[in-house]
Protein backbone atom coordinates (compact mmCIF):
# COMPACT_ATOMS: atom_id res chain seq x y z
CA UNK A 1 0.00 0.00 0.00
CA UNK A 2 1.52 3.34 -1.02
CA UNK A 3 2.38 5.95 1.57
CA UNK A 4 0.90 9.42 1.21
CA UNK A 5 3.22 12.46 1.61
CA UNK A 6 0.70 14.18 3.87
CA UNK A 7 0.52 11.16 6.19
CA UNK A 8 4.31 11.00 6.34
CA UNK A 9 4.53 14.71 7.13
CA UNK A 10 1.89 14.45 9.87
CA UNK A 11 3.63 11.48 11.49
CA UNK A 12 6.91 13.39 11.66
CA UNK A 13 5.42 16.68 12.84
CA UNK A 14 3.37 14.97 15.56
CA UNK A 15 6.46 13.34 17.05
CA UNK A 16 9.20 15.98 16.97
CA UNK A 17 9.53 19.75 16.59
CA UNK A 18 10.23 20.51 12.93
CA UNK A 19 12.08 23.60 11.74
CA UNK A 20 12.20 22.53 8.09
CA UNK A 21 10.92 19.47 6.25
CA UNK A 22 11.23 18.45 2.61
CA UNK A 23 9.65 15.22 1.42
CA UNK A 24 10.29 14.04 -2.12
CA UNK A 25 8.46 11.13 -3.69
CA UNK A 26 11.17 9.64 -5.89
CA UNK A 27 8.90 6.90 -7.22
CA UNK A 28 7.03 8.94 -9.84
CA UNK A 29 4.01 9.27 -7.60
CA UNK A 30 3.48 5.65 -6.57
CA UNK A 31 4.47 6.35 -2.94
CA UNK A 32 7.09 3.65 -2.50
CA UNK A 33 10.35 5.63 -2.53
CA UNK A 34 10.84 8.76 -0.43
CA UNK A 35 13.75 11.03 0.39
CA UNK A 36 13.44 13.51 3.23
CA UNK A 37 15.43 16.45 4.54
CA UNK A 38 14.52 17.09 8.16
CA UNK A 39 15.71 19.90 10.41
CA UNK A 40 14.88 19.74 14.10
CA UNK A 41 16.15 20.88 17.49
CA UNK A 42 15.47 17.31 18.60
CA UNK A 43 18.70 16.30 16.82
CA UNK A 44 20.90 18.53 18.96
CA UNK A 45 23.70 16.48 20.54
CA UNK A 46 22.83 13.32 18.60
CA UNK A 47 25.06 11.59 16.08
CA UNK A 48 23.83 11.08 12.52
CA UNK A 49 23.29 7.39 13.29
CA UNK A 50 21.21 8.22 16.39
CA UNK A 51 19.12 10.68 14.37
CA UNK A 52 18.48 8.16 11.63
CA UNK A 53 17.55 5.48 14.14
CA UNK A 54 15.17 7.93 15.79
CA UNK A 55 13.40 8.66 12.47
CA UNK A 56 13.44 5.00 11.42
CA UNK A 57 11.76 4.07 14.70
CA UNK A 58 9.28 6.93 14.40
CA UNK A 59 8.30 5.92 10.86
CA UNK A 60 8.75 2.14 11.15
CA UNK A 61 5.19 1.35 10.04
CA UNK A 62 5.43 3.64 7.01
CA UNK A 63 8.95 2.54 6.06
CA UNK A 64 7.85 -1.11 6.18
CA UNK A 65 5.46 -0.33 3.31
CA UNK A 66 8.09 1.44 1.17
CA UNK A 67 10.59 0.12 -1.29
CA UNK A 68 13.19 2.76 -0.36
CA UNK A 69 13.61 5.56 2.19
CA UNK A 70 16.51 7.99 2.55
CA UNK A 71 16.98 10.79 4.99
CA UNK A 72 19.20 13.76 5.71
CA UNK A 73 18.87 15.11 9.22
CA UNK A 74 20.23 18.40 10.53
CA UNK A 75 20.05 20.66 13.54
CA UNK A 76 18.88 24.20 12.68
CA UNK A 77 22.46 25.47 13.02
CA UNK A 78 23.83 22.76 10.69
CA UNK A 79 21.13 23.49 8.12
CA UNK A 80 21.81 27.22 8.30
CA UNK A 81 25.53 26.56 7.69
CA UNK A 82 24.70 24.24 4.79
CA UNK A 83 22.43 26.86 3.20
CA UNK A 84 25.13 29.53 3.58
CA UNK A 85 27.75 27.25 2.02
CA UNK A 86 25.46 26.48 -0.93
CA UNK A 87 24.66 30.18 -1.42
CA UNK A 88 28.36 31.05 -1.39
CA UNK A 89 29.07 28.40 -4.03
CA UNK A 90 26.60 29.95 -6.48
C-alpha atoms as a PDB file:
ATOM      1  CA  UNK A   1       0.000   0.000   0.000  1.00  0.00           C
ATOM      2  CA  UNK A   2       1.516   3.343  -1.025  1.00  0.00           C
ATOM      3  CA  UNK A   3       2.380   5.948   1.569  1.00  0.00           C
ATOM      4  CA  UNK A   4       0.905   9.421   1.213  1.00  0.00           C
ATOM      5  CA  UNK A   5       3.224  12.456   1.609  1.00  0.00           C
ATOM      6  CA  UNK A   6       0.695  14.181   3.871  1.00  0.00           C
ATOM      7  CA  UNK A   7       0.516  11.156   6.193  1.00  0.00           C
ATOM      8  CA  UNK A   8       4.306  11.004   6.337  1.00  0.00           C
ATOM      9  CA  UNK A   9       4.525  14.707   7.130  1.00  0.00           C
ATOM     10  CA  UNK A  10       1.887  14.453   9.869  1.00  0.00           C
ATOM     11  CA  UNK A  11       3.626  11.482  11.494  1.00  0.00           C
ATOM     12  CA  UNK A  12       6.911  13.391  11.655  1.00  0.00           C
ATOM     13  CA  UNK A  13       5.425  16.684  12.842  1.00  0.00           C
ATOM     14  CA  UNK A  14       3.366  14.967  15.561  1.00  0.00           C
ATOM     15  CA  UNK A  15       6.457  13.340  17.050  1.00  0.00           C
ATOM     16  CA  UNK A  16       9.201  15.979  16.969  1.00  0.00           C
ATOM     17  CA  UNK A  17       9.531  19.748  16.588  1.00  0.00           C
ATOM     18  CA  UNK A  18      10.234  20.510  12.929  1.00  0.00           C
ATOM     19  CA  UNK A  19      12.085  23.602  11.742  1.00  0.00           C
ATOM     20  CA  UNK A  20      12.199  22.527   8.093  1.00  0.00           C
ATOM     21  CA  UNK A  21      10.922  19.466   6.246  1.00  0.00           C
ATOM     22  CA  UNK A  22      11.228  18.451   2.614  1.00  0.00           C
ATOM     23  CA  UNK A  23       9.647  15.224   1.416  1.00  0.00           C
ATOM     24  CA  UNK A  24      10.291  14.040  -2.118  1.00  0.00           C
ATOM     25  CA  UNK A  25       8.460  11.134  -3.690  1.00  0.00           C
ATOM     26  CA  UNK A  26      11.170   9.637  -5.889  1.00  0.00           C
ATOM     27  CA  UNK A  27       8.904   6.898  -7.225  1.00  0.00           C
ATOM     28  CA  UNK A  28       7.029   8.938  -9.842  1.00  0.00           C
ATOM     29  CA  UNK A  29       4.012   9.267  -7.597  1.00  0.00           C
ATOM     30  CA  UNK A  30       3.480   5.652  -6.570  1.00  0.00           C
ATOM     31  CA  UNK A  31       4.469   6.350  -2.939  1.00  0.00           C
ATOM     32  CA  UNK A  32       7.091   3.654  -2.503  1.00  0.00           C
ATOM     33  CA  UNK A  33      10.347   5.634  -2.531  1.00  0.00           C
ATOM     34  CA  UNK A  34      10.838   8.759  -0.431  1.00  0.00           C
ATOM     35  CA  UNK A  35      13.746  11.033   0.391  1.00  0.00           C
ATOM     36  CA  UNK A  36      13.436  13.514   3.231  1.00  0.00           C
ATOM     37  CA  UNK A  37      15.430  16.454   4.541  1.00  0.00           C
ATOM     38  CA  UNK A  38      14.521  17.088   8.157  1.00  0.00           C
ATOM     39  CA  UNK A  39      15.711  19.903  10.407  1.00  0.00           C
ATOM     40  CA  UNK A  40      14.878  19.743  14.101  1.00  0.00           C
ATOM     41  CA  UNK A  41      16.145  20.884  17.494  1.00  0.00           C
ATOM     42  CA  UNK A  42      15.472  17.305  18.600  1.00  0.00           C
ATOM     43  CA  UNK A  43      18.695  16.296  16.819  1.00  0.00           C
ATOM     44  CA  UNK A  44      20.901  18.532  18.957  1.00  0.00           C
ATOM     45  CA  UNK A  45      23.697  16.485  20.541  1.00  0.00           C
ATOM     46  CA  UNK A  46      22.827  13.324  18.601  1.00  0.00           C
ATOM     47  CA  UNK A  47      25.062  11.588  16.077  1.00  0.00           C
ATOM     48  CA  UNK A  48      23.834  11.077  12.522  1.00  0.00           C
ATOM     49  CA  UNK A  49      23.287   7.393  13.286  1.00  0.00           C
ATOM     50  CA  UNK A  50      21.215   8.218  16.387  1.00  0.00           C
ATOM     51  CA  UNK A  51      19.123  10.684  14.371  1.00  0.00           C
ATOM     52  CA  UNK A  52      18.475   8.160  11.626  1.00  0.00           C
ATOM     53  CA  UNK A  53      17.554   5.477  14.139  1.00  0.00           C
ATOM     54  CA  UNK A  54      15.170   7.933  15.787  1.00  0.00           C
ATOM     55  CA  UNK A  55      13.405   8.660  12.473  1.00  0.00           C
ATOM     56  CA  UNK A  56      13.435   5.000  11.419  1.00  0.00           C
ATOM     57  CA  UNK A  57      11.757   4.071  14.699  1.00  0.00           C
ATOM     58  CA  UNK A  58       9.278   6.931  14.403  1.00  0.00           C
ATOM     59  CA  UNK A  59       8.304   5.922  10.860  1.00  0.00           C
ATOM     60  CA  UNK A  60       8.752   2.142  11.151  1.00  0.00           C
ATOM     61  CA  UNK A  61       5.192   1.354  10.037  1.00  0.00           C
ATOM     62  CA  UNK A  62       5.428   3.644   7.012  1.00  0.00           C
ATOM     63  CA  UNK A  63       8.947   2.539   6.065  1.00  0.00           C
ATOM     64  CA  UNK A  64       7.846  -1.107   6.179  1.00  0.00           C
ATOM     65  CA  UNK A  65       5.459  -0.326   3.315  1.00  0.00           C
ATOM     66  CA  UNK A  66       8.089   1.437   1.173  1.00  0.00           C
ATOM     67  CA  UNK A  67      10.591   0.118  -1.290  1.00  0.00           C
ATOM     68  CA  UNK A  68      13.194   2.756  -0.357  1.00  0.00           C
ATOM     69  CA  UNK A  69      13.610   5.561   2.187  1.00  0.00           C
ATOM     70  CA  UNK A  70      16.510   7.989   2.547  1.00  0.00           C
ATOM     71  CA  UNK A  71      16.980  10.794   4.991  1.00  0.00           C
ATOM     72  CA  UNK A  72      19.201  13.762   5.708  1.00  0.00           C
ATOM     73  CA  UNK A  73      18.874  15.111   9.224  1.00  0.00           C
ATOM     74  CA  UNK A  74      20.232  18.400  10.531  1.00  0.00           C
ATOM     75  CA  UNK A  75      20.051  20.663  13.545  1.00  0.00           C
ATOM     76  CA  UNK A  76      18.883  24.198  12.683  1.00  0.00           C
ATOM     77  CA  UNK A  77      22.465  25.471  13.017  1.00  0.00           C
ATOM     78  CA  UNK A  78      23.831  22.764  10.692  1.00  0.00           C
ATOM     79  CA  UNK A  79      21.132  23.487   8.119  1.00  0.00           C
ATOM     80  CA  UNK A  80      21.808  27.222   8.298  1.00  0.00           C
ATOM     81  CA  UNK A  81      25.528  26.561   7.694  1.00  0.00           C
ATOM     82  CA  UNK A  82      24.704  24.237   4.789  1.00  0.00           C
ATOM     83  CA  UNK A  83      22.431  26.859   3.202  1.00  0.00           C
ATOM     84  CA  UNK A  84      25.130  29.529   3.584  1.00  0.00           C
ATOM     85  CA  UNK A  85      27.748  27.255   2.017  1.00  0.00           C
ATOM     86  CA  UNK A  86      25.459  26.478  -0.932  1.00  0.00           C
ATOM     87  CA  UNK A  87      24.656  30.177  -1.418  1.00  0.00           C
ATOM     88  CA  UNK A  88      28.362  31.049  -1.389  1.00  0.00           C
ATOM     89  CA  UNK A  89      29.071  28.397  -4.032  1.00  0.00           C
ATOM     90  CA  UNK A  90      26.603  29.955  -6.481  1.00  0.00           C
END
